[in-house]
Amino acid sequence: MFKVQFTRPMMTKHQIALNAVSNHLHQSLKYHLLLFHLDLLLLRYIHLFLSDWEILQEYLKKQKMILHSFLELYIFFSF
């Protein structure tokens, strides 16, 4: 009677590190997207009471740049 054991191929240290970085960026991206969404909801309500749209636009531009950087890093380490 033979016992068959299936094993995954061994990952190199480089692959393990890339996988860890990719997972961390994925979690960071999800967290940042959640915060960004909450910020947008908050800003939507604040905008009802504020007439200064320029401040809100500047804030959104900064958030968009941060989000874009996260996406670039995530895509780079995912493929």
Protein backbone atom coordinates (compact mmCIF):
# COMPACT_ATOMS: atom_id res chain seq x y z
CA MET A 1 0.00 0.00 0.00
CA PHE A 2 1.45 3.34 -1.09
CA LYS A 3 0.85 6.65 0.55
CA VAL A 4 0.75 9.61 -1.85
CA GLN A 5 1.72 12.97 -0.47
CA PHE A 6 1.14 16.14 -2.44
CA THR A 7 3.37 19.07 -1.65
CA ARG A 8 3.49 22.58 -2.99
CA PRO A 9 6.64 23.59 -4.82
CA MET A 10 9.09 25.33 -2.54
CA MET A 11 9.00 29.09 -2.82
CA THR A 12 12.24 31.02 -2.90
CA LYS A 13 12.91 33.69 -0.31
CA HIS A 14 12.43 36.28 -3.06
CA GLN A 15 8.97 34.91 -3.92
CA ILE A 16 7.98 34.80 -0.25
CA ALA A 17 9.09 38.43 0.20
CA LEU A 18 7.21 39.56 -2.92
CA ASN A 19 4.12 37.70 -1.77
CA ALA A 20 4.32 39.35 1.66
CA VAL A 21 4.74 42.81 0.12
CA SER A 22 1.85 42.17 -2.27
CA ASN A 23 -0.41 41.04 0.58
CA HIS A 24 0.56 44.04 2.69
CA LEU A 25 -0.10 46.46 -0.18
CA HIS A 26 -3.43 44.78 -0.87
CA GLN A 27 -4.50 45.21 2.76
CA SER A 28 -3.21 48.80 2.81
CA LEU A 29 -5.08 49.58 -0.40
CA LYS A 30 -8.34 48.16 0.95
CA TYR A 31 -7.89 50.16 4.17
CA HIS A 32 -7.06 53.35 2.28
CA LEU A 33 -10.03 52.89 -0.06
CA LEU A 34 -12.30 52.51 2.96
CA LEU A 35 -10.91 55.67 4.56
CA PHE A 36 -11.14 57.53 1.26
CA HIS A 37 -14.77 56.48 0.85
CA LEU A 38 -15.57 57.60 4.39
CA ASP A 39 -13.78 60.89 3.75
CA LEU A 40 -15.88 61.44 0.63
CA LEU A 41 -19.07 60.84 2.58
CA LEU A 42 -17.94 63.23 5.27
CA LEU A 43 -16.89 65.84 2.70
CA ARG A 44 -20.24 65.52 0.95
CA TYR A 45 -21.99 66.48 4.17
CA ILE A 46 -19.48 69.21 4.98
CA HIS A 47 -19.96 70.65 1.50
CA LEU A 48 -23.62 71.19 2.30
CA PHE A 49 -22.52 73.66 4.95
CA LEU A 50 -19.42 75.12 3.31
CA SER A 51 -19.32 77.19 0.19
CA ASP A 52 -15.53 76.95 -0.30
CA TRP A 53 -15.28 74.25 -2.97
CA GLU A 54 -11.57 74.95 -3.66
CA ILE A 55 -10.47 73.49 -0.32
CA LEU A 56 -12.43 70.33 -0.98
CA GLN A 57 -10.98 70.03 -4.49
CA GLU A 58 -7.41 70.33 -3.18
CA TYR A 59 -8.06 67.65 -0.58
CA LEU A 60 -9.52 65.31 -3.20
CA LYS A 61 -6.54 65.87 -5.52
CA LYS A 62 -4.16 64.84 -2.72
CA GLN A 63 -6.23 61.76 -1.92
CA LYS A 64 -6.33 60.82 -5.60
CA MET A 65 -2.52 61.06 -5.82
CA ILE A 66 -2.11 58.83 -2.75
CA LEU A 67 -4.61 56.31 -4.09
CA HIS A 68 -2.90 56.29 -7.49
CA SER A 69 0.47 55.57 -5.82
CA PHE A 70 -1.02 52.65 -3.89
CA LEU A 71 -2.52 51.24 -7.07
CA GLU A 72 0.78 51.50 -8.94
CA LEU A 73 2.64 49.68 -6.17
CA TYR A 74 -0.05 47.02 -5.90
CA ILE A 75 -0.03 46.37 -9.64
CA PHE A 76 3.79 46.32 -9.72
CA PHE A 77 4.06 43.71 -6.97
CA SER A 78 1.08 41.65 -8.15
CA PHE A 79 2.44 40.80 -11.58
